[in-house]
Amino acid sequence: MDFNLTPEQQNAILSAASKKLGISREKLEEAARTNNLGVFEKIAAPKVQQYANNPKELERFLSDPKNLAIIKKMIGGG
């Protein structure tokens, strides 16, 4: 997918994501440049653990069509 973002749009997205995720802008830029998703581990790990400890919550998450669509896109199936 090619978004053709202007440098200004890229900067705005990085700044917003940095604030929302609590990750420095520099780390996000480096992650994007190197395709290294490890910077998101500290954010994702607690949520993953929550689902691992609560099968009903995981089932609820996976039954949401929006979540399934995102998962399919992430793994290249949609």
Protein backbone atom coordinates (compact mmCIF):
# COMPACT_ATOMS: atom_id res chain seq x y z
CA MET A 1 0.00 0.00 0.00
CA ASP A 2 1.46 3.32 -1.06
CA PHE A 3 0.22 6.33 0.85
CA ASN A 4 2.38 8.97 -0.89
CA LEU A 5 2.59 11.10 2.24
CA THR A 6 4.26 14.47 2.13
CA PRO A 7 7.11 15.08 4.59
CA GLU A 8 4.75 17.32 6.58
CA GLN A 9 2.16 14.54 6.80
CA GLN A 10 4.83 12.03 7.83
CA ASN A 11 6.03 14.40 10.55
CA ALA A 12 2.49 14.92 11.82
CA ILE A 13 1.84 11.18 11.98
CA LEU A 14 5.13 10.47 13.75
CA SER A 15 4.51 13.23 16.27
CA ALA A 16 0.97 12.06 17.01
CA ALA A 17 2.03 8.42 17.28
CA SER A 18 4.94 9.33 19.53
CA LYS A 19 2.64 11.14 21.95
CA LYS A 20 -0.05 8.47 21.86
CA LEU A 21 2.31 5.52 22.29
CA GLY A 22 4.80 7.11 24.65
CA ILE A 23 7.71 6.25 22.36
CA SER A 24 10.21 8.86 21.29
CA ARG A 25 9.87 10.19 17.79
CA GLU A 26 13.44 9.11 17.06
CA LYS A 27 12.66 5.50 18.01
CA LEU A 28 9.58 5.50 15.80
CA GLU A 29 11.54 6.92 12.87
CA GLU A 30 14.24 4.30 13.33
CA ALA A 31 11.63 1.53 13.61
CA ALA A 32 9.99 2.68 10.38
CA ARG A 33 13.32 2.96 8.58
CA THR A 34 14.56 -0.47 9.67
CA ASN A 35 11.18 -2.24 9.79
CA ASN A 36 11.90 -3.10 13.44
CA LEU A 37 8.68 -3.51 15.39
CA GLY A 38 10.52 -4.26 18.65
CA VAL A 39 9.87 -0.72 19.91
CA PHE A 40 6.22 -1.68 20.34
CA GLU A 41 6.99 -4.62 22.62
CA LYS A 42 6.55 -2.69 25.87
CA ILE A 43 3.16 -1.49 24.68
CA ALA A 44 1.91 -4.76 23.26
CA ALA A 45 3.25 -7.15 25.89
CA PRO A 46 0.81 -6.17 28.67
CA LYS A 47 -2.17 -6.41 26.30
CA VAL A 48 -1.03 -9.78 24.99
CA GLN A 49 -0.59 -10.99 28.57
CA GLN A 50 -4.11 -9.76 29.40
CA TYR A 51 -5.54 -11.89 26.60
CA ALA A 52 -3.39 -14.88 27.53
CA ASN A 53 -4.72 -14.75 31.08
CA ASN A 54 -8.36 -14.27 30.07
CA PRO A 55 -9.62 -16.56 27.29
CA LYS A 56 -13.07 -14.92 27.32
CA GLU A 57 -11.48 -11.52 26.64
CA LEU A 58 -9.47 -13.04 23.79
CA GLU A 59 -12.62 -14.60 22.36
CA ARG A 60 -14.41 -11.24 22.57
CA PHE A 61 -11.48 -9.51 20.84
CA LEU A 62 -11.37 -12.07 18.04
CA SER A 63 -15.13 -11.98 17.50
CA ASP A 64 -15.02 -8.29 16.56
CA PRO A 65 -15.10 -7.98 12.74
CA LYS A 66 -12.93 -4.85 12.85
CA ASN A 67 -10.20 -6.68 14.76
CA LEU A 68 -10.37 -9.64 12.38
CA ALA A 69 -10.03 -7.33 9.38
CA ILE A 70 -6.93 -5.73 10.91
CA ILE A 71 -5.40 -9.12 11.69
CA LYS A 72 -6.06 -10.33 8.14
CA LYS A 73 -4.40 -7.23 6.69
CA MET A 74 -1.41 -7.65 8.99
CA ILE A 75 -0.83 -11.23 7.91
CA GLY A 76 -1.46 -10.46 4.26
CA GLY A 77 -4.81 -12.15 3.89
CA GLY A 78 -7.00 -9.20 3.08
